[in-house]
Amino acid sequence: MRILLFTGKGGVGKTTLAAATAARLARAGRKALVISTDPAHSLGDALDAPLSGEPAEVYPGLFAAHLDSRALLEGAWGELRGHLRTVLAGAGVDEMVADELTWLPGVEELLALGEVRRLAQTGPWDVIIVDCGPTAETLRLLGLPEAIGGYLERLYPAHRRAVHGLLAGVAGIGGQQGRSGTAGPRTAIRNWDAAADALSRLADQVGALRAMLADHDTTSIRLVLTPERMVAAESRRTMTALALHGLRVDGVVANRVVPRIAPSVRGPAARWVRARHAEQQEVLSELAALWGTGRHAKANARAVRAVPYTAAEPIGVQALAEVADLLYGQDEPLAGASVPPLLSVRRTKGDGTSVDSEFELALRLPGLDRSAPLELTRIDDDLAVTVAGVRRLVALPSVLSRCEVLGARFGVDELVVVFRPDSRVWMSR
C-alpha cells in the first residue's frame, strides 16, 4: 500500500494533479483511490463524476470519494463526547459548559486522517491519493496526530487506571465499590470507565496515525505550486514545516508553466510570454537547487516536475490522464525523490565515554530560511525545536539525553544542535 498526499496553496491546481496521478495509475492497471479532505470539494468537478463519502468507481480501477466530515463527527467522536459530557455533568458541570469542554479543536481534520488510514487498511486499493486542503490547513492536519498524541500521553499516562483510581478516591469508596450498595458511585464508576475506554481508543488511533505518517516507505507528500516567487517562498516554508513534523516531501510539481516561444514571434503578447517564461525558469532553478546537492543529486533529477499551461481546463478521466502523461512522461508516478534521513547524529570531538566529547544533532529542513526565529527548549529527554513558529518535539537518542545543549547553528538546509556530556548524569545510565 502506498499513500501519496497532494497539497499546495489554494488555486494552484493540486486537485487536478492529484486526480491526474490517480487516473494514470488506474490506466496502468493498479487499483487507485483518490479522496478529498479539502472542504471545497472540487474533486468531483475534476473527474466529472458525482461523489459521496463512500468510494465509488468512476473508471475501471479508479475510485474516488469526498470525506464527509459531518458524518465522521457524528460517529466515533460523538460517542466519546457523549461519555465525557455525562462524566462532567455528574461532577456538577453546567451542560453548556460541559459541551464546550468536550470539543477538541481540529477534530474534523483528525477524523479525516483516521478515515484515510481506515480505507488504506480495509480497501482493495494499491495506492491512495489524498487531495488535501490548502497549505495552512494541511500543516495543521498533518501536525495534529503528534500534537494530540503528546497531549493525551501527558494528560492520561495510564488512562483507565488513573481515571478509575481518581474517581474511587473522590467517591471515598476505594476497594469497597462492589459492596457499597449505592447506585450513585457505581454509575459514576461506569461512566468514568466508558470515558476512559474511549480515550484509550482515541490515543491508540492517534498513535497509529503518527506511525502511518512517519512511515516514509509508505507515506509521502507532493507539493504543488505555480512557479511564482511568492508561491515558491510559501512552498519553501511549507517544506521546512513538514520536515519539522517528521514528514517526507518526495517532490514538487510546478503547474501552469508558460512554454517557450520562437524568437520570430513579435508583439506585446510575445514580450509578455517571454518575460513570464524567464521569470518562471528562474524560480524553477531555485527550487531544483533544494534537491540538487550531495549524493542524492542524480537520483533527484526529476524532483521538480513541470506541467505546461494548457489552453483548456482538463475535465474528466481522459483529459486528466493526458495531463499525467505531460507530468510523468515514461516515469513511475509514485517514484519520488530520494531524500536523506530527517535526523542524524554525529560525534565531532572525543571518543568512548570521554566527558570532553561533543555531538551534533542535524535536523534536515529543506527550504530553511536562516533568518527565521529559532527557539530550543529541553523537556526531559525531548528537545522542543521551534522554527518560524512551527514547533516539534524531537525524542533525543540515549547518548544525547545525557547531554546538555551547547549551541545551535543553521547549516545548508539543516539545523545543527551541538551537545556536550552533562557530567552529572553522563555515566549514570
Protein backbone atom coordinates (compact mmCIF):
# COMPACT_ATOMS: atom_id res chain seq x y z
CA MET A 1 0.00 0.00 0.00
CA ARG A 2 1.22 3.47 -0.90
CA ILE A 3 -0.25 6.78 0.33
CA LEU A 4 0.53 9.99 -1.53
CA LEU A 5 -0.74 13.36 -0.32
CA PHE A 6 -1.00 16.39 -2.60
CA THR A 7 -1.03 19.85 -1.08
CA GLY A 8 -0.27 23.43 -2.03
CA LYS A 9 -1.53 26.97 -1.92
CA GLY A 10 -5.19 27.35 -2.85
CA GLY A 11 -5.80 27.62 -6.58
CA VAL A 12 -2.53 26.11 -7.86
CA GLY A 13 -4.20 23.01 -9.31
CA LYS A 14 -3.44 20.34 -6.70
CA THR A 15 -6.85 18.70 -7.13
CA THR A 16 -6.31 18.37 -10.88
CA LEU A 17 -2.84 16.88 -10.44
CA ALA A 18 -3.93 14.50 -7.66
CA ALA A 19 -6.78 13.24 -9.85
CA ALA A 20 -4.46 13.03 -12.88
CA THR A 21 -1.95 10.92 -10.93
CA ALA A 22 -4.71 8.54 -9.81
CA ALA A 23 -6.03 8.30 -13.39
CA ARG A 24 -2.54 7.44 -14.68
CA LEU A 25 -2.15 4.68 -12.09
CA ALA A 26 -5.59 3.22 -12.86
CA ARG A 27 -4.88 3.17 -16.60
CA ALA A 28 -1.66 1.29 -15.81
CA GLY A 29 -3.68 -1.48 -14.17
CA ARG A 30 -3.46 -0.53 -10.50
CA LYS A 31 -6.40 0.00 -8.19
CA ALA A 32 -6.24 3.64 -7.12
CA LEU A 33 -8.42 5.59 -4.72
CA VAL A 34 -8.36 9.39 -4.81
CA ILE A 35 -10.07 11.11 -1.88
CA SER A 36 -10.52 14.74 -0.95
CA THR A 37 -10.11 16.19 2.54
CA ASP A 38 -10.44 19.72 1.13
CA PRO A 39 -13.65 21.37 2.41
CA ALA A 40 -14.03 22.99 -1.04
CA HIS A 41 -14.51 19.50 -2.58
CA SER A 42 -13.74 20.15 -6.26
CA LEU A 43 -12.54 16.59 -6.93
CA GLY A 44 -15.88 15.55 -8.40
CA ASP A 45 -15.73 18.50 -10.80
CA ALA A 46 -12.26 17.48 -11.98
CA LEU A 47 -13.35 13.87 -12.54
CA ASP A 48 -16.71 14.96 -13.97
CA ALA A 49 -18.43 12.48 -11.68
CA PRO A 50 -20.79 12.75 -8.67
CA LEU A 51 -19.01 11.75 -5.45
CA SER A 52 -20.05 10.96 -1.89
CA GLY A 53 -18.37 9.92 1.33
CA GLU A 54 -18.14 6.30 0.14
CA PRO A 55 -15.60 5.33 -2.55
CA ALA A 56 -17.21 4.86 -5.96
CA GLU A 57 -15.61 3.52 -9.14
CA VAL A 58 -15.56 6.30 -11.74
CA TYR A 59 -13.34 4.46 -14.24
CA PRO A 60 -12.05 0.86 -14.31
CA GLY A 61 -9.68 0.63 -11.36
CA LEU A 62 -10.18 4.29 -10.36
CA PHE A 63 -12.22 5.02 -7.24
CA ALA A 64 -12.99 8.42 -5.71
CA ALA A 65 -14.68 9.92 -2.65
CA HIS A 66 -15.23 13.13 -0.73
CA LEU A 67 -14.76 12.66 3.00
CA ASP A 68 -17.90 13.68 4.87
CA SER A 69 -16.68 15.47 8.00
CA ARG A 70 -20.20 15.77 9.43
CA ALA A 71 -20.78 12.03 9.26
CA LEU A 72 -17.38 11.39 10.84
CA LEU A 73 -18.17 13.78 13.67
CA GLU A 74 -21.45 12.03 14.38
CA GLY A 75 -19.73 8.65 14.59
CA ALA A 76 -16.99 7.65 16.99
CA TRP A 77 -16.24 11.21 18.13
CA GLY A 78 -19.88 11.76 19.01
CA GLU A 79 -19.72 8.68 21.24
CA LEU A 80 -16.63 9.94 23.07
CA ARG A 81 -18.11 13.41 23.58
CA GLY A 82 -21.26 11.82 24.97
CA HIS A 83 -19.26 9.86 27.55
CA LEU A 84 -17.30 12.92 28.60
CA ARG A 85 -20.41 15.11 28.88
CA THR A 86 -22.01 12.50 31.14
CA VAL A 87 -18.99 12.45 33.42
CA LEU A 88 -18.77 16.25 33.60
CA ALA A 89 -22.50 16.58 34.25
CA GLY A 90 -22.17 14.05 37.06
CA ALA A 91 -19.44 16.22 38.54
CA GLY A 92 -21.83 19.19 38.60
CA VAL A 93 -20.57 21.00 35.49
CA ASP A 94 -23.21 23.02 33.65
CA GLU A 95 -24.46 21.26 30.49
CA MET A 96 -23.45 24.08 28.13
CA VAL A 97 -20.00 24.37 29.73
CA ALA A 98 -19.57 20.58 29.55
CA ASP A 99 -20.38 20.68 25.84
CA GLU A 100 -17.68 23.29 25.24
CA LEU A 101 -15.11 21.42 27.33
CA THR A 102 -15.53 18.24 25.27
CA TRP A 103 -14.86 19.91 21.92
CA LEU A 104 -11.37 19.26 20.54
CA PRO A 105 -10.02 21.86 18.07
CA GLY A 106 -9.03 20.23 14.79
CA VAL A 107 -11.05 17.09 15.40
CA GLU A 108 -12.54 17.16 11.88
CA GLU A 109 -9.09 17.06 10.32
CA LEU A 110 -8.02 14.32 12.72
CA LEU A 111 -11.03 12.20 11.78
CA ALA A 112 -10.29 12.76 8.08
CA LEU A 113 -6.79 11.33 8.57
CA GLY A 114 -8.25 8.45 10.52
CA GLU A 115 -10.60 7.70 7.63
CA VAL A 116 -7.66 7.68 5.21
CA ARG A 117 -5.95 5.12 7.42
CA ARG A 118 -9.13 3.01 7.69
CA LEU A 119 -9.56 2.94 3.93
CA ALA A 120 -5.89 2.01 3.49
CA GLN A 121 -6.34 -0.93 5.84
CA THR A 122 -9.68 -2.23 4.60
CA GLY A 123 -9.86 -1.38 0.90
CA PRO A 124 -8.57 -3.30 -2.12
CA TRP A 125 -6.50 -0.37 -3.40
CA ASP A 126 -2.82 -0.44 -4.29
CA VAL A 127 -2.45 3.29 -3.75
CA ILE A 128 -4.43 6.09 -2.09
CA ILE A 129 -4.04 9.62 -3.42
CA VAL A 130 -5.19 12.31 -0.96
CA ASP A 131 -6.23 15.73 -2.23
CA CYS A 132 -5.55 17.83 0.86
CA GLY A 133 -6.78 21.33 1.62
CA PRO A 134 -4.68 24.48 1.16
CA THR A 135 -1.21 24.52 2.71
CA ALA A 136 -2.08 26.08 6.08
CA GLU A 137 -4.91 23.60 6.67
CA THR A 138 -2.69 20.72 5.59
CA LEU A 139 0.06 21.70 8.04
CA ARG A 140 -2.50 21.74 10.83
CA LEU A 141 -3.93 18.42 9.61
CA LEU A 142 -0.58 16.63 9.45
CA GLY A 143 0.67 18.08 12.72
CA LEU A 144 -2.40 17.05 14.71
CA PRO A 145 -1.51 13.41 15.43
CA GLU A 146 1.80 14.41 17.03
CA ALA A 147 0.29 17.32 18.96
CA ILE A 148 -2.77 15.45 20.22
CA GLY A 149 -0.76 12.30 20.85
CA GLY A 150 1.63 14.19 23.10
CA TYR A 151 -1.31 15.84 24.88
CA LEU A 152 -3.02 12.50 25.56
CA GLU A 153 0.18 10.83 26.71
CA ARG A 154 0.79 13.56 29.24
CA LEU A 155 -2.82 14.02 30.35
CA TYR A 156 -3.66 10.30 30.52
CA PRO A 157 -0.43 8.35 31.08
CA ALA A 158 -2.39 5.27 32.21
CA HIS A 159 -5.91 6.07 31.05
CA ARG A 160 -8.20 3.55 32.64
CA ARG A 161 -6.27 3.00 35.88
CA ALA A 162 -5.65 6.71 36.50
CA VAL A 163 -9.23 7.83 35.88
CA HIS A 164 -10.74 4.89 37.74
CA GLY A 165 -8.44 5.45 40.70
CA LEU A 166 -9.18 9.18 40.74
CA LEU A 167 -12.92 8.64 40.92
CA ALA A 168 -12.57 5.93 43.54
CA GLY A 169 -10.58 8.32 45.71
CA VAL A 170 -13.02 11.19 45.22
CA ALA A 171 -16.02 8.97 45.90
CA GLY A 172 -14.35 7.64 49.05
CA ILE A 173 -15.18 4.03 48.20
CA GLY A 174 -11.72 2.66 47.30
CA GLY A 175 -11.78 -1.12 47.06
CA GLN A 176 -15.30 -1.30 48.53
CA GLN A 177 -17.04 -0.09 45.36
CA GLY A 178 -18.52 -3.52 44.61
CA ARG A 179 -20.00 -3.85 48.11
CA SER A 180 -21.12 -0.29 48.67
CA GLY A 181 -24.68 -0.95 47.58
CA THR A 182 -25.02 2.63 46.37
CA ALA A 183 -26.09 3.08 42.77
CA GLY A 184 -24.60 6.60 42.50
CA PRO A 185 -20.92 5.74 42.88
CA ARG A 186 -21.25 2.58 40.78
CA THR A 187 -22.91 4.55 37.98
CA ALA A 188 -20.20 7.18 38.17
CA ILE A 189 -17.54 4.46 38.00
CA ARG A 190 -19.19 3.04 34.89
CA ASN A 191 -19.31 6.49 33.31
CA TRP A 192 -15.65 7.11 34.01
CA ASP A 193 -14.80 3.63 32.73
CA ALA A 194 -16.63 4.30 29.46
CA ALA A 195 -14.90 7.66 29.02
CA ALA A 196 -11.50 6.15 29.86
CA ASP A 197 -12.03 3.34 27.36
CA ALA A 198 -12.98 5.85 24.66
CA LEU A 199 -9.93 7.99 25.42
CA SER A 200 -7.71 4.92 25.27
CA ARG A 201 -9.12 4.07 21.84
CA LEU A 202 -8.54 7.65 20.71
CA ALA A 203 -4.94 7.53 21.93
CA ASP A 204 -4.40 4.25 20.07
CA GLN A 205 -5.86 5.72 16.87
CA VAL A 206 -3.70 8.84 17.16
CA GLY A 207 -0.63 6.67 17.71
CA ALA A 208 -1.47 4.66 14.60
CA LEU A 209 -1.84 7.88 12.57
CA ARG A 210 1.54 9.11 13.76
CA ALA A 211 3.07 5.80 12.72
CA MET A 212 1.40 5.98 9.31
CA LEU A 213 2.71 9.48 8.59
CA ALA A 214 6.19 8.64 9.89
CA ASP A 215 6.48 5.57 7.64
CA HIS A 216 8.40 7.18 4.78
CA ASP A 217 8.30 3.98 2.72
CA THR A 218 4.50 4.14 2.67
CA THR A 219 3.52 7.79 3.02
CA SER A 220 4.90 10.88 1.29
CA ILE A 221 3.78 14.37 0.33
CA ARG A 222 3.98 16.13 -3.01
CA LEU A 223 3.88 19.93 -3.09
CA VAL A 224 2.03 21.62 -5.95
CA LEU A 225 2.78 25.23 -6.85
CA THR A 226 2.78 27.70 -9.67
CA PRO A 227 6.31 28.99 -10.43
CA GLU A 228 5.85 32.45 -8.94
CA ARG A 229 8.17 33.94 -6.36
CA MET A 230 5.57 34.45 -3.65
CA VAL A 231 4.13 30.97 -4.10
CA ALA A 232 7.61 29.42 -4.17
CA ALA A 233 8.56 31.26 -0.98
CA GLU A 234 5.50 29.85 0.78
CA SER A 235 6.33 26.38 -0.55
CA ARG A 236 9.86 26.60 0.88
CA ARG A 237 8.38 27.47 4.29
CA THR A 238 5.96 24.57 3.91
CA MET A 239 8.81 22.16 3.20
CA THR A 240 10.57 23.32 6.37
CA ALA A 241 7.40 22.95 8.44
CA LEU A 242 6.67 19.46 7.09
CA ALA A 243 10.24 18.36 7.86
CA LEU A 244 9.82 19.68 11.41
CA HIS A 245 6.79 17.40 11.71
CA GLY A 246 8.94 14.47 10.57
CA LEU A 247 7.09 14.10 7.26
CA ARG A 248 8.62 13.22 3.90
CA VAL A 249 8.23 15.51 0.89
CA ASP A 250 9.15 13.44 -2.16
CA GLY A 251 8.93 16.16 -4.80
CA VAL A 252 7.50 19.40 -6.13
CA VAL A 253 5.14 19.83 -9.09
CA ALA A 254 5.20 23.21 -10.84
CA ASN A 255 1.88 23.71 -12.59
CA ARG A 256 0.94 26.11 -15.40
CA VAL A 257 4.42 26.64 -16.77
CA VAL A 258 4.42 29.08 -19.69
CA PRO A 259 6.05 27.48 -22.77
CA ARG A 260 8.99 28.92 -24.68
CA ILE A 261 8.03 30.70 -27.93
CA ALA A 262 10.03 31.11 -31.09
CA PRO A 263 12.23 34.25 -31.42
CA SER A 264 10.46 35.10 -34.67
CA VAL A 265 7.18 35.77 -32.86
CA ARG A 266 6.82 39.52 -32.21
CA GLY A 267 4.43 41.87 -30.47
CA PRO A 268 3.35 42.82 -26.90
CA ALA A 269 1.88 39.39 -26.18
CA ALA A 270 5.12 37.69 -27.21
CA ARG A 271 7.16 40.00 -24.97
CA TRP A 272 4.87 39.20 -22.04
CA VAL A 273 5.17 35.44 -22.63
CA ARG A 274 8.97 35.65 -22.85
CA ALA A 275 9.22 37.69 -19.64
CA ARG A 276 6.86 35.31 -17.84
CA HIS A 277 8.74 32.27 -19.11
CA ALA A 278 12.10 33.71 -17.98
CA GLU A 279 10.77 34.51 -14.50
CA GLN A 280 9.28 31.05 -14.11
CA GLN A 281 12.52 29.36 -15.20
CA GLU A 282 14.45 31.28 -12.53
CA VAL A 283 12.01 30.09 -9.87
CA LEU A 284 12.24 26.50 -11.13
CA SER A 285 16.05 26.66 -10.99
CA GLU A 286 15.91 27.83 -7.38
CA LEU A 287 13.53 25.01 -6.45
CA ALA A 288 15.70 22.42 -8.20
CA ALA A 289 18.68 23.63 -6.15
CA LEU A 290 16.91 22.41 -2.99
CA TRP A 291 17.22 18.82 -4.24
CA GLY A 292 20.38 19.03 -6.34
CA THR A 293 23.15 18.78 -3.76
CA GLY A 294 25.15 15.92 -2.29
CA ARG A 295 24.92 12.23 -3.06
CA HIS A 296 21.20 12.46 -3.84
CA ALA A 297 21.60 14.93 -6.73
CA LYS A 298 21.45 12.38 -9.56
CA ALA A 299 18.52 10.47 -8.06
CA ASN A 300 16.63 13.72 -7.58
CA ALA A 301 16.96 14.99 -11.14
CA ARG A 302 13.16 14.79 -11.54
CA ALA A 303 12.30 16.00 -8.03
CA VAL A 304 10.88 19.21 -9.51
CA ARG A 305 8.45 18.39 -12.32
CA ALA A 306 6.73 20.87 -14.57
CA VAL A 307 3.30 20.83 -16.21
CA PRO A 308 2.79 23.20 -19.16
CA TYR A 309 -0.03 25.71 -19.18
CA THR A 310 -2.81 24.22 -21.32
CA ALA A 311 -5.44 26.18 -23.18
CA ALA A 312 -8.35 24.03 -21.98
CA GLU A 313 -9.13 23.06 -18.40
CA PRO A 314 -8.74 19.27 -18.01
CA ILE A 315 -12.08 17.75 -17.03
CA GLY A 316 -12.77 14.01 -16.97
CA VAL A 317 -10.56 10.94 -16.72
CA GLN A 318 -9.31 11.08 -20.31
CA ALA A 319 -8.19 14.72 -20.09
CA LEU A 320 -6.62 14.11 -16.66
CA ALA A 321 -4.67 11.13 -18.00
CA GLU A 322 -3.26 13.37 -20.73
CA VAL A 323 -2.11 15.84 -18.07
CA ALA A 324 -0.45 12.96 -16.20
CA ASP A 325 1.40 11.98 -19.39
CA LEU A 326 2.79 15.52 -19.60
CA LEU A 327 3.72 15.40 -15.93
CA TYR A 328 5.38 11.99 -15.69
CA GLY A 329 6.30 11.01 -19.24
CA GLN A 330 7.62 7.44 -19.06
CA ASP A 331 8.43 7.68 -15.34
CA GLU A 332 6.71 5.89 -12.49
CA PRO A 333 4.27 8.37 -10.84
CA LEU A 334 4.94 7.05 -7.34
CA ALA A 335 8.73 7.27 -7.63
CA GLY A 336 9.53 10.37 -5.62
CA ALA A 337 12.87 11.94 -4.87
CA SER A 338 15.39 10.15 -2.70
CA VAL A 339 15.89 12.12 0.50
CA PRO A 340 18.44 11.75 3.31
CA PRO A 341 17.26 10.99 6.86
CA LEU A 342 15.49 13.84 8.62
CA LEU A 343 17.62 13.31 11.73
CA SER A 344 21.27 12.30 12.09
CA VAL A 345 23.73 12.27 14.99
CA ARG A 346 27.49 12.59 14.65
CA ARG A 347 30.37 12.81 17.12
CA THR A 348 32.64 15.78 16.46
CA LYS A 349 35.01 15.58 19.44
CA GLY A 350 36.33 12.95 21.83
CA ASP A 351 35.77 9.20 21.83
CA GLY A 352 34.37 6.45 24.01
CA THR A 353 32.91 7.74 27.25
CA SER A 354 35.07 10.85 27.39
CA VAL A 355 33.33 13.69 29.17
CA ASP A 356 35.09 16.08 26.78
CA SER A 357 33.11 14.70 23.83
CA GLU A 358 30.85 16.78 21.62
CA PHE A 359 27.98 15.64 19.43
CA GLU A 360 25.88 17.24 16.72
CA LEU A 361 22.24 16.54 16.03
CA ALA A 362 21.42 17.54 12.43
CA LEU A 363 17.75 18.16 11.66
CA ARG A 364 17.29 18.39 7.88
CA LEU A 365 14.98 21.30 7.00
CA PRO A 366 14.77 21.81 3.21
CA GLY A 367 13.86 25.34 2.25
CA LEU A 368 15.11 26.68 5.59
CA ASP A 369 15.12 30.46 5.97
CA ARG A 370 18.24 31.20 8.01
CA SER A 371 16.73 34.44 9.27
CA ALA A 372 13.76 32.58 10.77
CA PRO A 373 13.33 32.86 14.57
CA LEU A 374 14.72 29.80 16.38
CA GLU A 375 13.88 28.56 19.86
CA LEU A 376 15.24 25.44 21.60
CA THR A 377 13.79 24.09 24.86
CA ARG A 378 14.84 20.94 26.70
CA ILE A 379 11.89 18.95 28.10
CA ASP A 380 13.20 15.86 29.91
CA ASP A 381 14.51 13.55 27.15
CA ASP A 382 12.93 15.63 24.36
CA LEU A 383 14.19 18.73 22.58
CA ALA A 384 11.46 21.20 21.59
CA VAL A 385 12.51 22.89 18.34
CA THR A 386 10.57 25.92 17.15
CA VAL A 387 11.44 27.46 13.79
CA ALA A 388 9.34 30.32 12.38
CA GLY A 389 6.51 29.46 14.76
CA VAL A 390 6.40 25.73 13.93
CA ARG A 391 7.21 23.51 16.92
CA ARG A 392 8.33 19.90 17.07
CA LEU A 393 9.32 17.66 19.95
CA VAL A 394 12.41 15.64 18.99
CA ALA A 395 12.96 12.49 21.06
CA LEU A 396 16.67 12.51 21.83
CA PRO A 397 18.79 9.38 21.32
CA SER A 398 20.09 7.82 24.52
CA VAL A 399 23.54 9.39 24.25
CA LEU A 400 22.12 12.90 23.75
CA SER A 401 19.59 12.54 26.55
CA ARG A 402 22.62 12.54 28.90
CA CYS A 403 24.00 15.71 27.36
CA GLU A 404 23.26 19.41 27.58
CA VAL A 405 22.77 21.78 24.66
CA LEU A 406 25.90 23.78 23.92
CA GLY A 407 24.58 25.79 21.00
CA ALA A 408 22.97 25.67 17.57
CA ARG A 409 23.59 26.91 14.06
CA PHE A 410 21.95 26.82 10.66
CA GLY A 411 23.71 24.76 8.01
CA VAL A 412 22.74 24.21 4.37
CA ASP A 413 19.05 23.33 4.69
CA GLU A 414 19.59 21.93 8.17
CA LEU A 415 19.57 22.93 11.81
CA VAL A 416 22.59 21.67 13.73
CA VAL A 417 22.34 21.44 17.53
CA VAL A 418 25.59 20.92 19.45
CA PHE A 419 25.61 18.80 22.64
CA ARG A 420 28.21 18.03 25.27
CA PRO A 421 28.02 15.48 28.10
CA ASP A 422 26.33 16.58 31.31
CA SER A 423 28.83 15.50 33.95
CA ARG A 424 26.01 14.99 36.49
CA VAL A 425 24.33 12.18 34.53
CA TRP A 426 26.83 11.22 31.79
CA MET A 427 27.83 7.92 33.41
CA SER A 428 24.59 7.28 35.32
CA ARG A 429 22.76 5.24 32.66
